Structures are given as C-alpha cells and as structure tokens.
Amino acid sequence: MTITTAKRPERALLLTPLAMAALLWSAECRADWKFTPTVGATETYTDNVNLQPGDRAHGQFVSEAMGGFAVTELSSRLRFSASGRVHQFAYTDGSLPNLNNREHDYSAAALAKLTDDVFLDVAASGGPQSISAFGPQVSDSLYTMGNRTTVNTWRISPYVQHHYSNVANLLLRYSRDGVDAGARNLFGSSTASTSSVNVNSGTAFHAVGWGLSYTHQEMQNRLAGGSSSSNALGNLRLRYSSYLSATASAGYDEYDYQALGGRTAGRNWSGGFIWTPSSRTNLQASFGRRYFGKTGSLIASHHSRHSVWSINYSDAITTTRQQFLLPSTVDTAALLDTLFSASIPDPVLRQQAVQAYLQATGLPPSLANNVNYLSNRYLRQKQLSAAVAFNWAHSSLVTSVAKTERTALSLQQSDSELLGSQLATLNNNTRQRSLNSVFTYQLSSRSAATASANLARVTSIDTGITENHRQFRVGLARRLDRRLNFAVDLRHVRGGSGAGTGQTYTENAVSASLSAQF
C-alpha cells in the first residue's frame, strides 16, 4: 500500500478562499457582479419535531429565521458563483433531544482564465448530509440532528489546455481536494492529489478520432490510511456517417486498497457506438470488461419543444468522498436550459430566464438520485437513472427515477467504528430505488401551486434490512411585490427510524413563510 504524508485538511482548506481571493482581485474580473441578499422568516407546526417513532413523537411550533446570499460574475476571464444560507430555529419546547438550533449550507465555484492556455478551477461547499441511507434523511427536516452531519469539501485545480493547430488537443490537470465530515462521525477526513494528462485528436482527423489519457491519484484518509489509483486508457472513434460512429477503448486500471478478495488491477476494454440522428437526439452506448467484471455505459437524450428526456447508466469504482466532490443529481436547471434553448438562443439570457423560472415556480435546482451514505471503503457502483421535464403554457413537471447498487470492494475494518460490530455488514451490498417528481402550476403571473413526491426504498442485501421512505408536499407561493414572496407548505413524511430498530416515524407539518430578495 502506498502511503503519502498529507497536511492537515483544515490547513489545506485555507488555500481555497485565498485562491478565490486572488482570482477576484484581478482587475479584468472586477466587473458586472450581481449580489443578491435574501432574508426570510418561517413559522411551522409539526406533530413530530424530531422524527421519533410512535408515542415518542412530540408536536410543537418552530420559528425560523433565514439569511442568505447569492453572487455571480460572468466575464471573458472569470466565471464565478457562490451562495450561502443560515437557518436559526426557536422551539416552544427546546428540551427535547436531537433538536438542531442552527443549520447552514454554502457553495462556491470559480473558473479563471489566467493566460490563453492556463486556467484555475476552484470550488468549495458545505452543508448537512445523511450519515446512513437508513433512518430519517436530511431532506425530511432541518430540525432533527439524528442521522446527519455537516460535510465540507474543497478543490483547487490548475490546468493547461493547448491546441496543436487542428491536429491534437492537450489537457494537463493537477487537483488537490479534501472532504471532512467531522471527527465524531468516524468518517475519515481525507485529502487527495490527482494528476492527469489527456491528448485527443483534432478536427484534422475527420473519419477516425483517437484519444489517450492517464490519471494518477494519491489519497490520505485519517482512519483508513493511504491509498492510490492509476488509470490509463486509449480510445478510437470510427465515423461511418454523419450520424453514426463506432467506438472502442482499451487500457489498464490499478487500485491500491485492501481488498475482500480477488484482483485490484487489470486490463480493461470496451466497444460501442454513438448515434446522433438529429440535433435533438443523442445515444451513446458501450459494453466491455474491467478487472472486477463485465461493465457497460449508456447516455441517451432527446428534447422537443415542450420536453426533455434523458437516460444514463454507469458502472464504475467510486468512493463516498468522490461522490461528495462530484454529486450525482438530476440538474433541473440544465433540463430547463435545454427546454428554453429553442426560444432563447443567447446562453446568458437563457440562464437568467431559467433562474427566474425556478424562483417563480419554486422548482428545486436539482433532484438527488439516491443517498450518498458515509463509508470509508472503495465501492463498485451501478447506477441507472432517467429524467424527464415538461414545460407547458401554465405548468411544468420534472420527474426522475433511479436505481443504484453498491458493492463494497475493500475491507470492512475501515468502517468498523462508523457502523459498530452489530451492523458491520450493513453496507457490504446495498440497493436503492427512488422516484422524485415535482409539478408546478402557474395560477397567475404572481402565484404558483406546487406538488411534489419523493419515494425511496433502500435494502441491505447482506443483512436483509429494508426501509421505505415517503415524502409528499403541496404548496402555494405568491409574489407580493418585486422583492417580497409569501408561501404556504403542507408536508407528510413517513420513513424508517434506522437500521436494526424495526420502527417507523410519521410527521405531518404546515408552514407559512415570508422572504425577501434585495
């Protein structure tokens, strides 16, 4: 096993705001900033404030104050976006266990063009995350502290991108990143350094395209120790016609972790095709083998005037930290961007229209596929997801379905303190299924009604433990004036109380909120 010496994550985290400050101080970047502060107040009555089972449920009023901001910048040399929110809660009976007094979340990302060929990519995020796929989830309530923690991530990535005329394109990238979920959850804080090189054919190769890539990562986990991975790949694309191409790839994968058995390295290959019959339809599929077995991938999309459809399938080695750094979600904003592309060709104006539509209708910016539970192990993840978005004259509908299977590849000792001895095999093999749907009806230019459903089922195959989760919401939002918004929301939540408990909880709640943007 390769072990590298890494600085403390909190020291490395200091580099992120410093790097962002350096980007923003540039004279070329100090223009056209848009800063939007937000404040709000919400009063809620819930019959189960801390999501307890049965007769342990307690109802009470919860008062919430919220403050937040959003800032964006888009120029020829800088793309920057950041947002943050803080929620403060007050309870009629604050003596109940597992109540949360304050919650926060934030995200920031910047991409700067330093020279014609040199770029700097910086990002940071933080917010509540579920510890386990079993038990109450973060999406259920902000009030309870059960089965949740705060996860902070950061990434600094300079890269060089150069075009050798129309012959080849070169991409050299270095990334330093970190993930921290706090010491009390026994999820190992980690840092990683990743180097990669990609060389792809240019436009001179019309009939046959090619590419070469190599990636090496060194990771240091506070609990699991050090590990490394290397991936080399070569690919070919043979164009049969303007809409059909054949693809092939071959390479070698090498992972350094303590395995349950079998190999952690080996050759890989795949074959497939790309079919693009029109600018509205695209299908990419492949089938192959890697050292852990047969694999495949699928990317399909289609859009019309009033709808966008997508299907994706992937089968790859991953980790919890990798999923936190690059979350797997259904991007509602991206779906709407595709929907609006025909009527609003300009990308900047289209982005503004999408944000205005999300704000007016109350649609979420993204829909989570499944729960990324905490684990220090390497995992094989198979995920099939599909999403569809409709936009009609007075209404819209966004629906996604997903199925995710995770098989642990490394030894369970790295999760022994996280799960305990009784549930040591809980995350060896898990299966999650989910459905998310949001329907919005525009009652008038100022009012919109929203109904949403979130259904999920999670199973631990080795232990036989299964939990179902249901969440239903209906709401009404009205824009009182240019800055002020009012909303009423009803919700019903039902789910399992946690692996091994055999109990369920139910919550019914009603809330009214007033918010303002300046």
Protein backbone atom coordinates (compact mmCIF):
# COMPACT_ATOMS: atom_id res chain seq x y z
CA MET A 1 0.00 0.00 0.00
CA THR A 2 1.28 3.43 -0.90
CA ILE A 3 1.08 5.92 1.96
CA THR A 4 1.78 9.59 1.46
CA THR A 5 2.26 12.32 4.02
CA ALA A 6 -0.52 14.92 3.82
CA LYS A 7 -1.04 18.21 5.60
CA ARG A 8 -3.99 18.56 7.91
CA PRO A 9 -7.23 19.07 5.89
CA GLU A 10 -8.07 22.27 7.74
CA ARG A 11 -4.74 23.82 6.68
CA ALA A 12 -5.28 22.84 3.05
CA LEU A 13 -8.81 24.23 3.26
CA LEU A 14 -7.32 27.69 3.86
CA LEU A 15 -5.94 27.65 0.32
CA THR A 16 -9.43 27.68 -1.19
CA PRO A 17 -10.53 31.17 -0.05
CA LEU A 18 -7.02 32.50 -0.72
CA ALA A 19 -7.12 31.16 -4.27
CA MET A 20 -10.60 32.58 -4.81
CA ALA A 21 -9.49 35.97 -3.45
CA ALA A 22 -6.58 36.02 -5.89
CA LEU A 23 -8.97 35.35 -8.75
CA LEU A 24 -11.44 38.03 -7.73
CA TRP A 25 -8.76 40.68 -7.15
CA SER A 26 -7.80 40.64 -10.81
CA ALA A 27 -8.74 43.93 -12.48
CA GLU A 28 -10.11 42.08 -15.50
CA CYS A 29 -12.51 40.21 -13.21
CA ARG A 30 -13.90 43.12 -11.17
CA ALA A 31 -16.92 43.92 -13.31
CA ASP A 32 -20.58 43.03 -13.76
CA TRP A 33 -21.01 41.48 -10.33
CA LYS A 34 -24.51 40.59 -9.22
CA PHE A 35 -25.04 40.26 -5.46
CA THR A 36 -28.46 39.19 -4.15
CA PRO A 37 -29.05 39.03 -0.38
CA THR A 38 -32.07 37.12 0.94
CA VAL A 39 -33.85 37.16 4.30
CA GLY A 40 -36.84 35.16 5.44
CA ALA A 41 -38.99 34.03 8.35
CA THR A 42 -40.99 30.80 8.65
CA GLU A 43 -43.47 29.57 11.24
CA THR A 44 -44.14 25.81 11.29
CA TYR A 45 -46.33 23.47 13.27
CA THR A 46 -45.20 19.85 13.21
CA ASP A 47 -46.66 16.87 15.06
CA ASN A 48 -43.24 15.13 15.26
CA VAL A 49 -40.49 17.73 15.51
CA ASN A 50 -37.56 15.33 15.99
CA LEU A 51 -38.92 12.47 13.83
CA GLN A 52 -39.38 9.95 16.64
CA PRO A 53 -41.34 6.69 16.29
CA GLY A 54 -44.80 6.07 17.74
CA ASP A 55 -45.69 7.51 21.14
CA ARG A 56 -42.36 9.35 21.42
CA ALA A 57 -43.48 11.91 18.83
CA HIS A 58 -43.96 15.46 20.12
CA GLY A 59 -45.76 18.28 18.34
CA GLN A 60 -44.81 21.93 18.66
CA PHE A 61 -44.32 25.23 16.86
CA VAL A 62 -40.97 26.09 15.30
CA SER A 63 -39.92 29.64 14.42
CA GLU A 64 -37.19 30.01 11.82
CA ALA A 65 -35.13 32.98 10.69
CA MET A 66 -33.10 32.67 7.49
CA GLY A 67 -30.44 34.81 5.91
CA GLY A 68 -28.62 34.11 2.68
CA PHE A 69 -26.96 35.47 -0.40
CA ALA A 70 -26.12 34.65 -4.00
CA VAL A 71 -23.37 36.24 -6.06
CA THR A 72 -22.47 35.68 -9.71
CA GLU A 73 -19.95 37.04 -12.17
CA LEU A 74 -19.59 36.17 -15.84
CA SER A 75 -16.85 37.77 -17.91
CA SER A 76 -14.39 36.79 -20.59
CA ARG A 77 -11.79 35.75 -17.99
CA LEU A 78 -13.85 34.66 -15.00
CA ARG A 79 -16.94 32.63 -14.23
CA PHE A 80 -17.84 32.81 -10.55
CA SER A 81 -20.86 31.80 -8.49
CA ALA A 82 -21.41 31.50 -4.76
CA SER A 83 -24.35 31.13 -2.42
CA GLY A 84 -24.94 30.53 1.26
CA ARG A 85 -27.76 30.26 3.79
CA VAL A 86 -28.03 30.19 7.58
CA HIS A 87 -31.15 28.97 9.40
CA GLN A 88 -31.78 29.74 13.09
CA PHE A 89 -34.53 27.81 14.91
CA ALA A 90 -36.53 28.52 18.08
CA TYR A 91 -38.80 25.87 19.63
CA THR A 92 -41.72 26.10 22.04
CA ASP A 93 -40.06 23.20 23.88
CA GLY A 94 -36.33 23.16 23.24
CA SER A 95 -35.63 20.49 25.86
CA LEU A 96 -36.43 17.59 23.52
CA PRO A 97 -33.41 15.52 22.39
CA ASN A 98 -31.79 15.70 18.94
CA LEU A 99 -33.06 19.19 18.09
CA ASN A 100 -31.00 21.41 15.84
CA ASN A 101 -30.65 25.09 16.76
CA ARG A 102 -28.81 26.21 13.64
CA GLU A 103 -28.15 24.92 10.13
CA HIS A 104 -26.10 26.29 7.26
CA ASP A 105 -25.03 25.44 3.74
CA TYR A 106 -22.81 27.12 1.18
CA SER A 107 -21.22 26.57 -2.21
CA ALA A 108 -18.74 28.49 -4.33
CA ALA A 109 -17.07 27.83 -7.67
CA ALA A 110 -14.73 29.87 -9.84
CA LEU A 111 -13.08 29.25 -13.19
CA ALA A 112 -10.46 31.79 -14.21
CA LYS A 113 -8.57 32.14 -17.46
CA LEU A 114 -5.06 33.16 -16.36
CA THR A 115 -3.49 33.10 -19.85
CA ASP A 116 -4.61 31.79 -23.22
CA ASP A 117 -3.68 28.24 -22.18
CA VAL A 118 -3.66 28.28 -18.35
CA PHE A 119 -6.79 28.07 -16.19
CA LEU A 120 -7.58 27.78 -12.49
CA ASP A 121 -10.62 25.89 -11.22
CA VAL A 122 -11.56 26.40 -7.54
CA ALA A 123 -14.59 25.13 -5.60
CA ALA A 124 -15.82 24.71 -2.04
CA SER A 125 -19.08 23.53 -0.49
CA GLY A 126 -20.57 22.55 2.83
CA GLY A 127 -23.89 21.53 4.30
CA PRO A 128 -25.89 18.79 6.02
CA GLN A 129 -25.63 15.23 4.72
CA SER A 130 -27.16 11.92 5.79
CA ILE A 131 -24.82 9.56 7.64
CA SER A 132 -26.73 6.42 6.62
CA ALA A 133 -29.23 5.56 3.90
CA PHE A 134 -31.33 4.09 6.73
CA GLY A 135 -33.22 6.36 9.12
CA PRO A 136 -34.51 9.96 8.79
CA GLN A 137 -32.94 11.80 5.88
CA VAL A 138 -31.69 15.37 5.56
CA SER A 139 -34.46 16.15 3.06
CA ASP A 140 -37.12 15.29 5.66
CA SER A 141 -36.47 18.08 8.14
CA LEU A 142 -33.89 20.69 9.13
CA TYR A 143 -34.83 20.40 12.80
CA THR A 144 -33.59 16.96 13.85
CA MET A 145 -29.91 16.13 14.44
CA GLY A 146 -30.44 12.38 14.05
CA ASN A 147 -28.59 10.64 11.19
CA ARG A 148 -26.94 13.80 9.90
CA THR A 149 -23.62 15.57 9.85
CA THR A 150 -22.04 18.53 8.10
CA VAL A 151 -19.77 17.68 5.18
CA ASN A 152 -17.30 20.26 3.85
CA THR A 153 -15.44 19.86 0.56
CA TRP A 154 -12.86 21.92 -1.31
CA ARG A 155 -10.93 21.64 -4.56
CA ILE A 156 -8.10 23.61 -6.21
CA SER A 157 -7.25 22.58 -9.77
CA PRO A 158 -4.92 24.44 -12.15
CA TYR A 159 -4.79 23.09 -15.69
CA VAL A 160 -3.23 23.74 -19.08
CA GLN A 161 -5.26 23.39 -22.26
CA HIS A 162 -3.46 23.73 -25.59
CA HIS A 163 -4.49 23.16 -29.20
CA TYR A 164 -1.81 21.99 -31.63
CA SER A 165 -3.39 23.54 -34.70
CA ASN A 166 -6.11 21.14 -35.86
CA VAL A 167 -4.02 18.02 -35.17
CA ALA A 168 -4.31 17.43 -31.42
CA ASN A 169 -5.62 18.90 -28.16
CA LEU A 170 -3.69 18.63 -24.89
CA LEU A 171 -5.09 18.88 -21.35
CA LEU A 172 -2.77 18.75 -18.31
CA ARG A 173 -4.50 19.00 -14.92
CA TYR A 174 -3.49 18.85 -11.28
CA SER A 175 -6.08 18.76 -8.49
CA ARG A 176 -5.83 18.99 -4.74
CA ASP A 177 -9.05 18.33 -2.82
CA GLY A 178 -10.38 17.46 0.60
CA VAL A 179 -13.50 16.12 2.30
CA ASP A 180 -14.28 16.49 6.01
CA ALA A 181 -17.36 15.29 7.92
CA GLY A 182 -16.18 15.93 11.48
CA ALA A 183 -14.42 13.60 13.90
CA ARG A 184 -17.49 12.47 15.84
CA ASN A 185 -18.94 10.51 12.89
CA LEU A 186 -15.79 8.39 12.40
CA PHE A 187 -15.86 9.11 8.67
CA GLY A 188 -12.23 9.62 7.81
CA SER A 189 -11.35 13.16 6.78
CA SER A 190 -9.29 12.87 3.62
CA THR A 191 -7.17 14.78 1.15
CA ALA A 192 -6.10 13.73 -2.33
CA SER A 193 -3.76 14.83 -5.09
CA THR A 194 -4.66 13.90 -8.66
CA SER A 195 -2.60 14.38 -11.82
CA SER A 196 -3.95 13.71 -15.29
CA VAL A 197 -2.98 14.13 -18.92
CA ASN A 198 -5.30 13.86 -21.92
CA VAL A 199 -4.38 14.04 -25.61
CA ASN A 200 -7.19 13.91 -28.18
CA SER A 201 -7.30 14.19 -31.94
CA GLY A 202 -8.18 17.50 -33.55
CA THR A 203 -10.52 18.36 -36.40
CA ALA A 204 -7.96 17.14 -38.96
CA PHE A 205 -9.00 13.58 -38.09
CA HIS A 206 -12.50 13.52 -39.52
CA ALA A 207 -13.05 9.82 -40.22
CA VAL A 208 -11.03 8.38 -37.33
CA GLY A 209 -10.74 10.08 -33.95
CA TRP A 210 -8.39 8.99 -31.18
CA GLY A 211 -7.51 9.82 -27.59
CA LEU A 212 -5.02 8.91 -24.86
CA SER A 213 -5.41 9.58 -21.14
CA TYR A 214 -3.63 8.80 -17.88
CA THR A 215 -4.72 9.64 -14.32
CA HIS A 216 -2.93 9.02 -11.02
CA GLN A 217 -4.30 9.78 -7.56
CA GLU A 218 -2.72 9.65 -4.10
CA MET A 219 -5.23 9.79 -1.24
CA GLN A 220 -4.70 10.01 2.51
CA ASN A 221 -7.59 9.05 4.82
CA ARG A 222 -7.33 9.85 8.53
CA LEU A 223 -8.84 6.49 9.51
CA ALA A 224 -8.21 4.17 6.55
CA GLY A 225 -4.67 5.34 5.80
CA GLY A 226 -3.22 5.92 2.36
CA SER A 227 -4.24 4.51 -0.99
CA SER A 228 -3.56 5.20 -4.65
CA SER A 229 -5.05 4.55 -8.07
CA SER A 230 -3.85 4.77 -11.67
CA ASN A 231 -5.91 4.57 -14.85
CA ALA A 232 -4.57 4.50 -18.42
CA LEU A 233 -6.87 4.48 -21.44
CA GLY A 234 -6.71 4.73 -25.21
CA ASN A 235 -9.80 5.18 -27.38
CA LEU A 236 -10.78 5.21 -31.04
CA ARG A 237 -13.83 6.57 -32.83
CA LEU A 238 -14.61 5.45 -36.38
CA ARG A 239 -17.14 7.64 -38.19
CA TYR A 240 -19.39 5.64 -40.56
CA SER A 241 -21.65 8.56 -41.44
CA SER A 242 -22.64 11.98 -40.20
CA TYR A 243 -24.87 10.40 -37.54
CA LEU A 244 -23.27 7.03 -36.69
CA SER A 245 -19.84 6.21 -35.23
CA ALA A 246 -18.27 3.09 -33.71
CA THR A 247 -16.14 3.40 -30.55
CA ALA A 248 -13.51 1.21 -28.90
CA SER A 249 -11.19 1.61 -25.92
CA ALA A 250 -8.51 -0.35 -24.07
CA GLY A 251 -6.40 0.38 -21.02
CA TYR A 252 -5.24 -0.65 -17.59
CA ASP A 253 -6.58 0.07 -14.07
CA GLU A 254 -4.59 -0.26 -10.85
CA TYR A 255 -6.02 0.38 -7.38
CA ASP A 256 -4.16 0.10 -4.10
CA TYR A 257 -6.58 -0.88 -1.33
CA GLN A 258 -7.06 -3.85 1.00
CA ALA A 259 -9.49 -5.97 -0.99
CA LEU A 260 -12.08 -8.50 0.15
CA GLY A 261 -10.60 -10.93 -2.34
CA GLY A 262 -9.60 -11.09 -5.96
CA ARG A 263 -7.65 -8.58 -8.01
CA THR A 264 -7.39 -4.82 -7.62
CA ALA A 265 -5.76 -4.26 -11.02
CA GLY A 266 -6.15 -5.43 -14.59
CA ARG A 267 -6.77 -4.62 -18.24
CA ASN A 268 -9.97 -3.03 -19.47
CA TRP A 269 -11.66 -2.81 -22.84
CA SER A 270 -14.95 -1.66 -24.31
CA GLY A 271 -16.78 -1.35 -27.61
CA GLY A 272 -19.83 0.67 -28.54
CA PHE A 273 -21.42 3.26 -30.79
CA ILE A 274 -22.60 6.87 -30.93
CA TRP A 275 -25.83 7.59 -32.80
CA THR A 276 -26.91 11.19 -33.42
CA PRO A 277 -29.79 11.17 -35.93
CA SER A 278 -30.55 14.86 -35.29
CA SER A 279 -29.50 17.81 -33.15
CA ARG A 280 -32.29 16.86 -30.73
CA THR A 281 -31.39 13.20 -30.18
CA ASN A 282 -28.19 11.54 -28.99
CA LEU A 283 -27.44 7.95 -27.96
CA GLN A 284 -24.09 6.61 -26.70
CA ALA A 285 -23.71 3.00 -25.53
CA SER A 286 -20.80 0.70 -24.76
CA PHE A 287 -20.12 -2.76 -23.36
CA GLY A 288 -16.84 -4.10 -22.01
CA ARG A 289 -14.90 -5.61 -19.15
CA ARG A 290 -12.73 -4.38 -16.31
CA TYR A 291 -10.82 -6.29 -13.65
CA PHE A 292 -13.94 -6.57 -11.46
CA GLY A 293 -16.23 -7.96 -14.20
CA LYS A 294 -18.42 -7.01 -17.15
CA THR A 295 -19.32 -3.33 -17.46
CA GLY A 296 -21.36 -1.06 -19.66
CA SER A 297 -22.49 2.53 -20.07
CA LEU A 298 -25.41 4.38 -21.61
CA ILE A 299 -26.08 8.06 -22.25
CA ALA A 300 -29.27 8.94 -24.11
CA SER A 301 -31.07 12.24 -24.51
CA HIS A 302 -33.89 13.70 -26.58
CA HIS A 303 -35.62 17.05 -26.48
CA SER A 304 -38.57 18.57 -28.25
CA ARG A 305 -40.30 21.91 -27.97
CA HIS A 306 -42.00 21.07 -24.67
CA SER A 307 -40.00 18.17 -23.20
CA VAL A 308 -36.52 16.87 -22.38
CA TRP A 309 -35.76 13.17 -21.82
CA SER A 310 -32.56 11.55 -20.56
CA ILE A 311 -31.38 8.07 -19.55
CA ASN A 312 -27.98 7.28 -18.02
CA TYR A 313 -26.28 4.08 -16.87
CA SER A 314 -22.81 3.79 -15.35
CA ASP A 315 -20.74 1.04 -13.73
CA ALA A 316 -17.55 2.22 -12.04
CA ILE A 317 -15.30 2.21 -8.99
CA THR A 318 -16.06 5.10 -6.65
CA THR A 319 -15.90 6.28 -3.04
CA THR A 320 -18.16 8.32 -0.80
CA ARG A 321 -15.69 11.22 -0.89
CA GLN A 322 -15.68 11.19 -4.69
CA GLN A 323 -19.48 11.39 -4.73
CA PHE A 324 -19.40 14.37 -2.35
CA LEU A 325 -16.90 16.18 -4.58
CA LEU A 326 -18.94 15.44 -7.73
CA PRO A 327 -22.54 14.83 -6.58
CA SER A 328 -24.81 12.67 -8.72
CA THR A 329 -28.04 14.64 -9.12
CA VAL A 330 -30.65 15.45 -11.72
CA ASP A 331 -29.86 19.03 -12.71
CA THR A 332 -33.25 20.72 -13.01
CA ALA A 333 -31.66 23.93 -14.24
CA ALA A 334 -29.84 22.08 -17.04
CA LEU A 335 -33.08 20.41 -18.15
CA LEU A 336 -34.84 23.77 -18.29
CA ASP A 337 -31.87 25.29 -20.11
CA THR A 338 -32.32 22.69 -22.85
CA LEU A 339 -36.07 23.33 -22.92
CA PHE A 340 -35.56 27.08 -23.36
CA SER A 341 -32.77 26.77 -25.95
CA ALA A 342 -35.13 26.95 -28.92
CA SER A 343 -36.91 30.11 -27.76
CA ILE A 344 -33.89 31.85 -26.12
CA PRO A 345 -30.71 31.21 -28.19
CA ASP A 346 -28.48 33.55 -26.15
CA PRO A 347 -26.91 31.47 -23.30
CA VAL A 348 -26.63 34.39 -20.84
CA LEU A 349 -30.24 35.48 -21.32
CA ARG A 350 -31.32 31.83 -21.16
CA GLN A 351 -29.55 31.32 -17.83
CA GLN A 352 -31.30 34.39 -16.42
CA ALA A 353 -34.64 33.08 -17.67
CA VAL A 354 -34.03 29.67 -16.06
CA GLN A 355 -33.17 31.24 -12.69
CA ALA A 356 -36.23 33.49 -12.85
CA TYR A 357 -38.42 30.49 -13.69
CA LEU A 358 -37.02 28.43 -10.79
CA GLN A 359 -37.65 31.29 -8.39
CA ALA A 360 -41.18 31.98 -9.64
CA THR A 361 -42.32 28.35 -9.63
CA GLY A 362 -40.44 27.03 -6.59
CA LEU A 363 -38.81 24.20 -8.52
CA PRO A 364 -35.66 22.83 -6.82
CA PRO A 365 -32.36 23.44 -8.69
CA SER A 366 -31.60 19.70 -8.54
CA LEU A 367 -33.13 16.36 -7.56
CA ALA A 368 -30.98 13.82 -5.72
CA ASN A 369 -30.75 10.36 -7.27
CA ASN A 370 -30.05 8.40 -4.09
CA VAL A 371 -28.45 8.80 -0.64
CA ASN A 372 -24.66 9.05 -0.61
CA TYR A 373 -24.15 7.47 2.83
CA LEU A 374 -20.85 7.73 4.71
CA SER A 375 -18.31 4.98 4.07
CA ASN A 376 -14.50 4.81 4.04
CA ARG A 377 -14.47 1.90 1.59
CA TYR A 378 -13.94 1.57 -2.15
CA LEU A 379 -17.23 0.69 -3.87
CA ARG A 380 -18.43 -0.65 -7.18
CA GLN A 381 -21.48 1.42 -8.08
CA LYS A 382 -24.01 0.53 -10.77
CA GLN A 383 -26.50 3.32 -11.35
CA LEU A 384 -29.39 3.58 -13.79
CA SER A 385 -31.29 6.87 -13.85
CA ALA A 386 -33.86 8.52 -16.06
CA ALA A 387 -35.32 12.02 -16.02
CA VAL A 388 -37.98 13.89 -17.95
CA ALA A 389 -39.05 17.53 -17.87
CA PHE A 390 -42.16 19.06 -19.44
CA ASN A 391 -42.88 22.74 -19.86
CA TRP A 392 -46.38 23.75 -20.92
CA ALA A 393 -48.11 27.12 -21.15
CA HIS A 394 -49.07 27.29 -17.46
CA SER A 395 -47.40 24.30 -15.83
CA SER A 396 -44.24 22.21 -15.63
CA LEU A 397 -43.32 18.71 -14.49
CA VAL A 398 -39.91 17.29 -13.58
CA THR A 399 -39.66 13.57 -12.75
CA SER A 400 -36.66 11.33 -12.13
CA VAL A 401 -36.26 7.65 -11.26
CA ALA A 402 -33.06 5.90 -10.22
CA LYS A 403 -31.72 2.53 -9.17
CA THR A 404 -28.31 2.29 -7.50
CA GLU A 405 -26.42 -0.81 -6.40
CA ARG A 406 -23.24 -0.51 -4.35
CA THR A 407 -20.88 -3.42 -3.64
CA ALA A 408 -18.01 -2.85 -1.21
CA LEU A 409 -14.62 -3.85 -2.60
CA SER A 410 -12.27 -3.00 0.29
CA LEU A 411 -12.25 -4.49 3.79
CA GLN A 412 -14.97 -3.50 6.25
CA GLN A 413 -12.44 -2.72 9.01
CA SER A 414 -12.24 0.88 7.79
CA ASP A 415 -15.97 1.22 8.60
CA SER A 416 -15.96 -0.82 11.83
CA GLU A 417 -16.03 2.24 14.11
CA LEU A 418 -18.52 4.02 11.86
CA LEU A 419 -21.08 1.17 11.93
CA GLY A 420 -20.25 -0.84 15.06
CA SER A 421 -19.99 -4.61 15.36
CA GLN A 422 -23.74 -5.37 15.13
CA LEU A 423 -24.13 -3.60 11.78
CA ALA A 424 -20.65 -4.31 10.38
CA THR A 425 -22.02 -5.82 7.14
CA LEU A 426 -24.80 -3.25 6.63
CA ASN A 427 -23.07 -1.51 3.71
CA ASN A 428 -21.42 -4.55 2.10
CA ASN A 429 -24.08 -4.66 -0.61
CA THR A 430 -26.86 -2.08 -0.82
CA ARG A 431 -29.62 -1.36 -3.29
CA GLN A 432 -31.55 1.92 -3.53
CA ARG A 433 -34.55 2.79 -5.67
CA SER A 434 -36.07 6.25 -5.83
CA LEU A 435 -38.66 8.39 -7.58
CA ASN A 436 -38.78 12.19 -7.39
CA SER A 437 -41.45 14.28 -9.04
CA VAL A 438 -42.33 17.99 -8.87
CA PHE A 439 -45.39 19.50 -10.59
CA THR A 440 -45.91 23.26 -10.73
CA TYR A 441 -48.98 25.12 -11.97
CA GLN A 442 -48.80 28.84 -12.67
CA LEU A 443 -52.06 30.25 -11.29
CA SER A 444 -51.23 33.78 -12.40
CA SER A 445 -48.23 35.94 -13.13
CA ARG A 446 -47.71 36.23 -9.36
CA SER A 447 -48.93 32.88 -7.96
CA ALA A 448 -47.95 29.24 -8.39
CA ALA A 449 -49.05 25.95 -6.83
CA THR A 450 -46.59 23.09 -6.37
CA ALA A 451 -46.99 19.39 -5.55
CA SER A 452 -44.06 17.02 -5.06
CA ALA A 453 -43.47 13.37 -4.18
CA ASN A 454 -40.31 11.60 -3.06
CA LEU A 455 -40.43 7.79 -2.80
CA ALA A 456 -37.41 5.67 -1.90
CA ARG A 457 -36.58 2.11 -0.87
CA VAL A 458 -33.19 1.04 0.49
CA THR A 459 -32.08 -2.55 1.12
CA SER A 460 -29.00 -4.03 2.73
CA ILE A 461 -28.67 -7.28 0.81
CA ASP A 462 -26.33 -9.00 3.30
CA THR A 463 -28.43 -8.23 6.40
CA GLY A 464 -31.88 -8.27 4.77
CA ILE A 465 -32.77 -4.91 6.34
CA THR A 466 -35.14 -2.82 4.21
CA GLU A 467 -36.62 0.63 4.78
CA ASN A 468 -39.16 2.63 2.79
CA HIS A 469 -39.33 6.39 2.68
CA ARG A 470 -42.25 8.58 1.59
CA GLN A 471 -42.47 12.35 1.42
CA PHE A 472 -45.35 14.35 -0.07
CA ARG A 473 -45.65 18.14 -0.24
CA VAL A 474 -48.16 20.65 -1.58
CA GLY A 475 -47.56 24.37 -1.53
CA LEU A 476 -48.73 27.74 -2.73
CA ALA A 477 -46.35 30.62 -3.46
CA ARG A 478 -47.23 34.23 -4.25
CA ARG A 479 -45.03 37.15 -5.20
CA LEU A 480 -46.37 40.11 -3.22
CA ASP A 481 -44.17 42.66 -4.96
CA ARG A 482 -40.86 42.85 -6.80
CA ARG A 483 -38.86 41.74 -3.73
CA LEU A 484 -41.32 40.08 -1.34
CA ASN A 485 -42.64 36.49 -1.57
CA PHE A 486 -45.12 34.54 0.57
CA ALA A 487 -45.54 30.74 0.67
CA VAL A 488 -47.63 28.11 2.45
CA ASP A 489 -46.48 24.48 2.56
CA LEU A 490 -48.02 21.20 3.76
CA ARG A 491 -45.92 18.05 4.11
CA HIS A 492 -46.33 14.41 5.10
CA VAL A 493 -43.26 12.28 5.77
CA ARG A 494 -43.01 8.61 6.69
CA GLY A 495 -39.86 6.51 6.98
CA GLY A 496 -37.76 4.07 8.94
CA SER A 497 -36.14 5.07 12.23
CA GLY A 498 -32.82 3.42 11.42
CA ALA A 499 -31.20 0.09 10.59
CA GLY A 500 -31.96 -2.60 13.15
CA THR A 501 -34.66 -0.65 15.02
CA GLY A 502 -37.66 -2.14 13.21
CA GLN A 503 -39.57 1.11 13.86
CA THR A 504 -41.01 3.85 11.68
CA TYR A 505 -41.83 7.52 12.16
CA THR A 506 -44.50 9.77 10.67
CA GLU A 507 -44.62 13.57 10.50
CA ASN A 508 -47.30 15.99 9.36
CA ALA A 509 -46.48 19.69 9.22
CA VAL A 510 -47.79 23.01 7.93
CA SER A 511 -45.67 26.11 7.48
CA ALA A 512 -46.01 29.71 6.31
CA SER A 513 -43.04 31.77 5.20
CA LEU A 514 -42.20 35.29 4.11
CA SER A 515 -38.98 36.02 2.20
CA ALA A 516 -37.40 39.00 0.51
CA GLN A 517 -34.64 39.42 -2.06
CA PHE A 518 -32.76 42.69 -2.45
